[in-house]
């Protein structure tokens, strides 16, 4: 695939774990466990293809409303995956970063997050961003709160607050905005995920449940992206003239 047609940043809403499990008469947590293999497949393909950043929507700020036993099982799964997989990420030169409000997680899970980030902080092949207790509205609110504090203390004038400054305070500030956002499970919405950052992203929806979305499915999404013309407000003729 030509470099110019490859997304620098791929973001994925991993949907359909529970429905995958119900279809097999299994408890919902079985779908989440099966989804771990799909995560590994995404990492492998992105690393092979040269994608710079892969962001996965692992747990939204609204997911706390789910049944208590399911939330508990998800937290255990998250903690186990962190402890089990982080060394493999490090060995494969993959950096792990976690975005979202960590305050609601257990101290044990928060420590595991920090340890995983520290171990992989110098890895450069691929940055894996996991959005946990994350919401796009929360992200914009916390960014504007930072700017409001700077205005209140005189570090910033109100007229200096613009799109660039807001973007610099978002949790994704270190990375380019997603070029491609994929949602599995057949739903056609972005569910409060990276609301600011997805302004110009290409959207790709798959009917596959997340545990079934593996290597070939991601490669098909990348191939679809390669065929699209990204105009960013310009006309097709302008884009053609610039190429």
C-alpha atoms as a PDB file:
ATOM      1  CA  UNK A   1       0.000   0.000   0.000  1.00  0.00           C
ATOM      2  CA  UNK A   2       1.513   3.392  -0.942  1.00  0.00           C
ATOM      3  CA  UNK A   3       2.564   5.427   2.100  1.00  0.00           C
ATOM      4  CA  UNK A   4       0.386   8.389   1.110  1.00  0.00           C
ATOM      5  CA  UNK A   5      -2.766   6.268   1.268  1.00  0.00           C
ATOM      6  CA  UNK A   6      -1.988   4.794   4.682  1.00  0.00           C
ATOM      7  CA  UNK A   7      -3.647   6.296   7.748  1.00  0.00           C
ATOM      8  CA  UNK A   8      -1.175   7.587  10.306  1.00  0.00           C
ATOM      9  CA  UNK A   9      -3.710   7.068  13.073  1.00  0.00           C
ATOM     10  CA  UNK A  10      -6.411   4.391  13.213  1.00  0.00           C
ATOM     11  CA  UNK A  11      -9.094   4.572  15.907  1.00  0.00           C
ATOM     12  CA  UNK A  12     -11.418   1.646  16.620  1.00  0.00           C
ATOM     13  CA  UNK A  13     -14.698   1.335  18.509  1.00  0.00           C
ATOM     14  CA  UNK A  14     -14.649  -2.321  19.535  1.00  0.00           C
ATOM     15  CA  UNK A  15     -18.326  -3.254  19.537  1.00  0.00           C
ATOM     16  CA  UNK A  16     -20.219  -6.547  19.564  1.00  0.00           C
ATOM     17  CA  UNK A  17     -18.534  -8.595  22.305  1.00  0.00           C
ATOM     18  CA  UNK A  18     -21.761  -9.273  24.202  1.00  0.00           C
ATOM     19  CA  UNK A  19     -23.744 -10.095  21.073  1.00  0.00           C
ATOM     20  CA  UNK A  20     -20.947 -12.429  19.928  1.00  0.00           C
ATOM     21  CA  UNK A  21     -21.219 -14.260  23.262  1.00  0.00           C
ATOM     22  CA  UNK A  22     -25.041 -14.381  23.309  1.00  0.00           C
ATOM     23  CA  UNK A  23     -25.050 -15.879  19.821  1.00  0.00           C
ATOM     24  CA  UNK A  24     -22.987 -18.730  21.266  1.00  0.00           C
ATOM     25  CA  UNK A  25     -25.078 -19.014  24.455  1.00  0.00           C
ATOM     26  CA  UNK A  26     -22.097 -17.840  26.504  1.00  0.00           C
ATOM     27  CA  UNK A  27     -21.850 -15.180  29.246  1.00  0.00           C
ATOM     28  CA  UNK A  28     -20.997 -11.672  28.046  1.00  0.00           C
ATOM     29  CA  UNK A  29     -17.527 -11.718  29.580  1.00  0.00           C
ATOM     30  CA  UNK A  30     -16.630 -14.587  27.229  1.00  0.00           C
ATOM     31  CA  UNK A  31     -17.040 -12.162  24.329  1.00  0.00           C
ATOM     32  CA  UNK A  32     -14.704  -9.669  25.967  1.00  0.00           C
ATOM     33  CA  UNK A  33     -12.115 -12.386  26.520  1.00  0.00           C
ATOM     34  CA  UNK A  34     -12.430 -13.494  22.894  1.00  0.00           C
ATOM     35  CA  UNK A  35     -11.992  -9.868  21.851  1.00  0.00           C
ATOM     36  CA  UNK A  36      -8.438  -9.851  23.227  1.00  0.00           C
ATOM     37  CA  UNK A  37      -7.303 -11.860  20.199  1.00  0.00           C
ATOM     38  CA  UNK A  38      -8.802  -9.213  17.913  1.00  0.00           C
ATOM     39  CA  UNK A  39      -6.795  -6.565  19.777  1.00  0.00           C
ATOM     40  CA  UNK A  40      -3.629  -8.541  19.137  1.00  0.00           C
ATOM     41  CA  UNK A  41      -4.525  -8.817  15.449  1.00  0.00           C
ATOM     42  CA  UNK A  42      -5.008  -5.038  15.175  1.00  0.00           C
ATOM     43  CA  UNK A  43      -1.635  -4.397  16.778  1.00  0.00           C
ATOM     44  CA  UNK A  44       0.084  -6.875  14.464  1.00  0.00           C
ATOM     45  CA  UNK A  45      -1.418  -5.426  11.269  1.00  0.00           C
ATOM     46  CA  UNK A  46      -0.816  -1.804  12.248  1.00  0.00           C
ATOM     47  CA  UNK A  47       2.794  -2.536  13.168  1.00  0.00           C
ATOM     48  CA  UNK A  48       3.354  -4.437   9.909  1.00  0.00           C
ATOM     49  CA  UNK A  49       1.724  -1.762   7.728  1.00  0.00           C
ATOM     50  CA  UNK A  50       3.468   1.188   9.355  1.00  0.00           C
ATOM     51  CA  UNK A  51       0.501   2.837  11.071  1.00  0.00           C
ATOM     52  CA  UNK A  52       1.896   5.224  13.686  1.00  0.00           C
ATOM     53  CA  UNK A  53      -0.937   5.295  16.238  1.00  0.00           C
ATOM     54  CA  UNK A  54      -3.707   2.805  17.062  1.00  0.00           C
ATOM     55  CA  UNK A  55      -6.385   3.977  19.492  1.00  0.00           C
ATOM     56  CA  UNK A  56      -8.845   1.466  20.942  1.00  0.00           C
ATOM     57  CA  UNK A  57     -12.053   2.428  22.761  1.00  0.00           C
ATOM     58  CA  UNK A  58     -11.864  -0.098  25.582  1.00  0.00           C
ATOM     59  CA  UNK A  59     -14.229   1.298  28.216  1.00  0.00           C
ATOM     60  CA  UNK A  60     -16.394   4.387  27.894  1.00  0.00           C
ATOM     61  CA  UNK A  61     -17.460   6.676  30.718  1.00  0.00           C
ATOM     62  CA  UNK A  62     -21.002   5.374  30.103  1.00  0.00           C
ATOM     63  CA  UNK A  63     -19.987   1.717  30.507  1.00  0.00           C
ATOM     64  CA  UNK A  64     -20.146   2.038  34.309  1.00  0.00           C
ATOM     65  CA  UNK A  65     -23.945   1.762  33.851  1.00  0.00           C
ATOM     66  CA  UNK A  66     -23.592  -1.873  32.823  1.00  0.00           C
ATOM     67  CA  UNK A  67     -24.362  -4.696  35.310  1.00  0.00           C
ATOM     68  CA  UNK A  68     -21.971  -4.684  38.246  1.00  0.00           C
ATOM     69  CA  UNK A  69     -20.709  -8.205  37.615  1.00  0.00           C
ATOM     70  CA  UNK A  70     -19.899  -7.363  33.990  1.00  0.00           C
ATOM     71  CA  UNK A  71     -18.008  -4.214  34.984  1.00  0.00           C
ATOM     72  CA  UNK A  72     -16.065  -6.191  37.592  1.00  0.00           C
ATOM     73  CA  UNK A  73     -15.180  -8.851  35.047  1.00  0.00           C
ATOM     74  CA  UNK A  74     -14.018  -6.172  32.597  1.00  0.00           C
ATOM     75  CA  UNK A  75     -11.769  -4.613  35.237  1.00  0.00           C
ATOM     76  CA  UNK A  76     -10.250  -8.015  36.031  1.00  0.00           C
ATOM     77  CA  UNK A  77      -9.734  -8.655  32.322  1.00  0.00           C
ATOM     78  CA  UNK A  78      -8.089  -5.255  31.857  1.00  0.00           C
ATOM     79  CA  UNK A  79      -5.756  -5.786  34.808  1.00  0.00           C
ATOM     80  CA  UNK A  80      -4.834  -9.287  33.655  1.00  0.00           C
ATOM     81  CA  UNK A  81      -4.170  -8.137  30.089  1.00  0.00           C
ATOM     82  CA  UNK A  82      -1.943  -5.300  31.304  1.00  0.00           C
ATOM     83  CA  UNK A  83       0.161  -7.640  33.424  1.00  0.00           C
ATOM     84  CA  UNK A  84       0.259 -10.395  30.830  1.00  0.00           C
ATOM     85  CA  UNK A  85       0.849  -8.445  27.619  1.00  0.00           C
ATOM     86  CA  UNK A  86       2.930  -5.408  28.517  1.00  0.00           C
ATOM     87  CA  UNK A  87       6.271  -7.204  28.247  1.00  0.00           C
ATOM     88  CA  UNK A  88       5.287  -8.503  24.831  1.00  0.00           C
ATOM     89  CA  UNK A  89       4.469  -4.949  23.770  1.00  0.00           C
ATOM     90  CA  UNK A  90       7.859  -3.814  25.032  1.00  0.00           C
ATOM     91  CA  UNK A  91       9.662  -6.629  23.226  1.00  0.00           C
ATOM     92  CA  UNK A  92       7.932  -5.610  19.983  1.00  0.00           C
ATOM     93  CA  UNK A  93       8.803  -1.910  20.412  1.00  0.00           C
ATOM     94  CA  UNK A  94       5.169  -0.867  20.980  1.00  0.00           C
ATOM     95  CA  UNK A  95       4.405   2.000  23.319  1.00  0.00           C
ATOM     96  CA  UNK A  96       1.282   1.847  25.466  1.00  0.00           C
ATOM     97  CA  UNK A  97      -0.549   5.017  26.499  1.00  0.00           C
ATOM     98  CA  UNK A  98      -3.850   5.135  28.366  1.00  0.00           C
ATOM     99  CA  UNK A  99      -6.238   8.080  28.104  1.00  0.00           C
ATOM    100  CA  UNK A 100      -9.323   8.822  30.170  1.00  0.00           C
ATOM    101  CA  UNK A 101     -10.254   9.593  33.759  1.00  0.00           C
ATOM    102  CA  UNK A 102      -8.407   7.061  35.912  1.00  0.00           C
ATOM    103  CA  UNK A 103      -9.858   8.229  39.212  1.00  0.00           C
ATOM    104  CA  UNK A 104     -12.664   5.627  39.250  1.00  0.00           C
ATOM    105  CA  UNK A 105     -10.321   2.688  38.747  1.00  0.00           C
ATOM    106  CA  UNK A 106      -8.886   0.744  41.680  1.00  0.00           C
ATOM    107  CA  UNK A 107      -5.477   1.774  42.971  1.00  0.00           C
ATOM    108  CA  UNK A 108      -4.155  -1.607  41.832  1.00  0.00           C
ATOM    109  CA  UNK A 109      -5.337  -1.016  38.271  1.00  0.00           C
ATOM    110  CA  UNK A 110      -4.016   2.543  38.278  1.00  0.00           C
ATOM    111  CA  UNK A 111      -0.578   1.291  39.351  1.00  0.00           C
ATOM    112  CA  UNK A 112      -0.610  -1.351  36.609  1.00  0.00           C
ATOM    113  CA  UNK A 113      -1.460   1.336  34.024  1.00  0.00           C
ATOM    114  CA  UNK A 114       1.382   3.568  35.181  1.00  0.00           C
ATOM    115  CA  UNK A 115       3.859   0.662  35.261  1.00  0.00           C
ATOM    116  CA  UNK A 116       2.905  -0.425  31.743  1.00  0.00           C
ATOM    117  CA  UNK A 117       3.286   3.101  30.383  1.00  0.00           C
ATOM    118  CA  UNK A 118       6.646   3.530  32.066  1.00  0.00           C
ATOM    119  CA  UNK A 119       8.011   0.228  30.752  1.00  0.00           C
ATOM    120  CA  UNK A 120       7.076   1.035  27.144  1.00  0.00           C
ATOM    121  CA  UNK A 121       7.653   4.803  27.145  1.00  0.00           C
ATOM    122  CA  UNK A 122      10.683   4.649  24.820  1.00  0.00           C
ATOM    123  CA  UNK A 123       9.162   2.229  22.278  1.00  0.00           C
ATOM    124  CA  UNK A 124       8.790   3.691  18.797  1.00  0.00           C
ATOM    125  CA  UNK A 125       7.408   1.156  16.295  1.00  0.00           C
ATOM    126  CA  UNK A 126       3.736   1.814  17.120  1.00  0.00           C
ATOM    127  CA  UNK A 127       1.867   3.771  19.785  1.00  0.00           C
ATOM    128  CA  UNK A 128      -1.095   1.863  21.201  1.00  0.00           C
ATOM    129  CA  UNK A 129      -3.544   4.230  22.896  1.00  0.00           C
ATOM    130  CA  UNK A 130      -6.207   2.636  25.077  1.00  0.00           C
ATOM    131  CA  UNK A 131      -9.207   4.823  25.937  1.00  0.00           C
ATOM    132  CA  UNK A 132     -10.475   3.697  29.347  1.00  0.00           C
ATOM    133  CA  UNK A 133     -13.183   5.521  31.303  1.00  0.00           C
ATOM    134  CA  UNK A 134     -13.030   7.901  28.375  1.00  0.00           C
ATOM    135  CA  UNK A 135     -15.671  10.074  26.757  1.00  0.00           C
ATOM    136  CA  UNK A 136     -15.306  12.671  24.032  1.00  0.00           C
ATOM    137  CA  UNK A 137     -17.398  15.197  25.955  1.00  0.00           C
ATOM    138  CA  UNK A 138     -15.282  14.617  29.066  1.00  0.00           C
ATOM    139  CA  UNK A 139     -12.130  15.199  27.012  1.00  0.00           C
ATOM    140  CA  UNK A 140     -13.357  18.521  25.615  1.00  0.00           C
ATOM    141  CA  UNK A 141     -14.570  19.600  29.066  1.00  0.00           C
ATOM    142  CA  UNK A 142     -11.250  18.863  30.756  1.00  0.00           C
ATOM    143  CA  UNK A 143      -9.361  20.651  27.973  1.00  0.00           C
ATOM    144  CA  UNK A 144     -11.489  23.791  28.237  1.00  0.00           C
ATOM    145  CA  UNK A 145     -11.211  23.661  32.033  1.00  0.00           C
ATOM    146  CA  UNK A 146      -7.416  23.840  31.728  1.00  0.00           C
ATOM    147  CA  UNK A 147      -7.722  26.846  29.447  1.00  0.00           C
ATOM    148  CA  UNK A 148     -10.248  28.508  31.781  1.00  0.00           C
ATOM    149  CA  UNK A 149      -7.770  28.133  34.637  1.00  0.00           C
ATOM    150  CA  UNK A 150      -5.058  29.760  32.517  1.00  0.00           C
ATOM    151  CA  UNK A 151      -7.398  32.659  31.715  1.00  0.00           C
ATOM    152  CA  UNK A 152      -8.325  33.019  35.403  1.00  0.00           C
ATOM    153  CA  UNK A 153      -4.673  33.246  36.433  1.00  0.00           C
ATOM    154  CA  UNK A 154      -3.799  35.702  33.675  1.00  0.00           C
ATOM    155  CA  UNK A 155      -1.591  33.295  31.704  1.00  0.00           C
ATOM    156  CA  UNK A 156      -3.977  33.522  28.757  1.00  0.00           C
ATOM    157  CA  UNK A 157      -6.378  36.110  27.376  1.00  0.00           C
ATOM    158  CA  UNK A 158      -9.919  34.973  26.406  1.00  0.00           C
ATOM    159  CA  UNK A 159      -9.328  35.976  22.784  1.00  0.00           C
ATOM    160  CA  UNK A 160      -6.320  33.634  22.675  1.00  0.00           C
ATOM    161  CA  UNK A 161      -8.519  30.588  23.204  1.00  0.00           C
ATOM    162  CA  UNK A 162      -8.843  28.967  19.779  1.00  0.00           C
ATOM    163  CA  UNK A 163      -9.035  25.545  18.138  1.00  0.00           C
ATOM    164  CA  UNK A 164      -5.287  24.976  18.364  1.00  0.00           C
ATOM    165  CA  UNK A 165      -5.140  25.693  22.090  1.00  0.00           C
ATOM    166  CA  UNK A 166      -8.108  23.426  22.801  1.00  0.00           C
ATOM    167  CA  UNK A 167      -6.501  20.659  20.758  1.00  0.00           C
ATOM    168  CA  UNK A 168      -3.241  21.082  22.677  1.00  0.00           C
ATOM    169  CA  UNK A 169      -5.093  20.331  25.932  1.00  0.00           C
ATOM    170  CA  UNK A 170      -6.934  17.227  24.739  1.00  0.00           C
ATOM    171  CA  UNK A 171      -5.753  13.856  26.022  1.00  0.00           C
ATOM    172  CA  UNK A 172      -4.650  12.958  22.481  1.00  0.00           C
ATOM    173  CA  UNK A 173      -2.484  16.075  22.050  1.00  0.00           C
ATOM    174  CA  UNK A 174       0.779  14.145  21.498  1.00  0.00           C
ATOM    175  CA  UNK A 175      -0.560  12.407  18.384  1.00  0.00           C
ATOM    176  CA  UNK A 176      -2.100  13.317  15.025  1.00  0.00           C
ATOM    177  CA  UNK A 177      -5.893  13.149  14.846  1.00  0.00           C
ATOM    178  CA  UNK A 178      -7.297   9.843  13.557  1.00  0.00           C
ATOM    179  CA  UNK A 179      -7.440   9.482   9.785  1.00  0.00           C
ATOM    180  CA  UNK A 180      -9.655   6.407   9.975  1.00  0.00           C
ATOM    181  CA  UNK A 181     -12.247   5.433  12.571  1.00  0.00           C
ATOM    182  CA  UNK A 182     -13.575   1.880  12.460  1.00  0.00           C
ATOM    183  CA  UNK A 183     -16.630   0.594  14.317  1.00  0.00           C
ATOM    184  CA  UNK A 184     -17.459  -3.081  14.440  1.00  0.00           C
ATOM    185  CA  UNK A 185     -20.741  -4.762  15.399  1.00  0.00           C
ATOM    186  CA  UNK A 186     -22.991  -3.226  12.763  1.00  0.00           C
ATOM    187  CA  UNK A 187     -23.838   0.015  14.601  1.00  0.00           C
ATOM    188  CA  UNK A 188     -23.425   3.333  12.748  1.00  0.00           C
ATOM    189  CA  UNK A 189     -22.514   5.879  15.425  1.00  0.00           C
ATOM    190  CA  UNK A 190     -19.407   7.087  17.243  1.00  0.00           C
ATOM    191  CA  UNK A 191     -20.824   6.887  20.804  1.00  0.00           C
ATOM    192  CA  UNK A 192     -18.989   9.811  22.423  1.00  0.00           C
ATOM    193  CA  UNK A 193     -15.592   8.656  21.153  1.00  0.00           C
ATOM    194  CA  UNK A 194     -12.950  11.270  20.215  1.00  0.00           C
ATOM    195  CA  UNK A 195     -15.634  13.810  19.291  1.00  0.00           C
ATOM    196  CA  UNK A 196     -13.208  16.641  18.549  1.00  0.00           C
ATOM    197  CA  UNK A 197     -10.533  14.484  16.978  1.00  0.00           C
ATOM    198  CA  UNK A 198     -12.812  12.708  14.482  1.00  0.00           C
ATOM    199  CA  UNK A 199     -13.868  15.949  12.751  1.00  0.00           C
ATOM    200  CA  UNK A 200     -12.236  14.929   9.449  1.00  0.00           C
ATOM    201  CA  UNK A 201     -11.735  11.194   9.966  1.00  0.00           C
ATOM    202  CA  UNK A 202     -12.955   8.684   7.419  1.00  0.00           C
ATOM    203  CA  UNK A 203     -15.581   6.417   8.990  1.00  0.00           C
ATOM    204  CA  UNK A 204     -15.714   2.669   8.301  1.00  0.00           C
ATOM    205  CA  UNK A 205     -18.435   0.417   9.686  1.00  0.00           C
ATOM    206  CA  UNK A 206     -18.214  -3.374   9.799  1.00  0.00           C
ATOM    207  CA  UNK A 207     -21.013  -5.823  10.533  1.00  0.00           C
ATOM    208  CA  UNK A 208     -18.514  -8.206  12.139  1.00  0.00           C
ATOM    209  CA  UNK A 209     -18.661  -8.524  15.909  1.00  0.00           C
ATOM    210  CA  UNK A 210     -15.412  -7.429  17.526  1.00  0.00           C
ATOM    211  CA  UNK A 211     -14.035 -10.925  18.304  1.00  0.00           C
ATOM    212  CA  UNK A 212     -14.393 -11.783  14.584  1.00  0.00           C
ATOM    213  CA  UNK A 213     -12.660  -8.634  13.338  1.00  0.00           C
ATOM    214  CA  UNK A 214      -9.150  -9.936  12.674  1.00  0.00           C
ATOM    215  CA  UNK A 215      -6.204  -9.387  10.323  1.00  0.00           C
ATOM    216  CA  UNK A 216      -8.019  -9.616   6.991  1.00  0.00           C
ATOM    217  CA  UNK A 217     -10.871  -7.419   8.212  1.00  0.00           C
ATOM    218  CA  UNK A 218      -8.495  -4.621   9.184  1.00  0.00           C
ATOM    219  CA  UNK A 219      -6.591  -4.940   5.918  1.00  0.00           C
ATOM    220  CA  UNK A 220      -9.914  -4.588   4.072  1.00  0.00           C
ATOM    221  CA  UNK A 221     -10.630  -1.401   6.030  1.00  0.00           C
ATOM    222  CA  UNK A 222      -7.179  -0.022   5.174  1.00  0.00           C
ATOM    223  CA  UNK A 223      -7.720  -0.878   1.504  1.00  0.00           C
ATOM    224  CA  UNK A 224     -11.081   0.911   1.578  1.00  0.00           C
ATOM    225  CA  UNK A 225      -9.416   3.962   3.139  1.00  0.00           C
ATOM    226  CA  UNK A 226      -6.788   3.955   0.385  1.00  0.00           C
ATOM    227  CA  UNK A 227      -9.520   4.388  -2.240  1.00  0.00           C
ATOM    228  CA  UNK A 228     -11.070   7.447  -0.610  1.00  0.00           C
ATOM    229  CA  UNK A 229     -10.327  11.042  -1.508  1.00  0.00           C
ATOM    230  CA  UNK A 230      -9.865  13.217   1.555  1.00  0.00           C
ATOM    231  CA  UNK A 231     -10.754  16.800   0.682  1.00  0.00           C
ATOM    232  CA  UNK A 232     -10.764  18.701   4.008  1.00  0.00           C
ATOM    233  CA  UNK A 233     -13.222  21.232   2.589  1.00  0.00           C
ATOM    234  CA  UNK A 234     -11.599  21.504  -0.832  1.00  0.00           C
ATOM    235  CA  UNK A 235     -13.045  20.367  -4.147  1.00  0.00           C
ATOM    236  CA  UNK A 236     -12.027  17.184  -5.956  1.00  0.00           C
ATOM    237  CA  UNK A 237     -10.481  19.341  -8.687  1.00  0.00           C
ATOM    238  CA  UNK A 238      -8.284  21.167  -6.174  1.00  0.00           C
ATOM    239  CA  UNK A 239      -7.079  17.922  -4.677  1.00  0.00           C
ATOM    240  CA  UNK A 240      -6.307  16.516  -8.136  1.00  0.00           C
ATOM    241  CA  UNK A 241      -4.331  19.643  -9.045  1.00  0.00           C
ATOM    242  CA  UNK A 242      -2.252  19.363  -5.883  1.00  0.00           C
ATOM    243  CA  UNK A 243      -1.387  15.696  -6.363  1.00  0.00           C
END
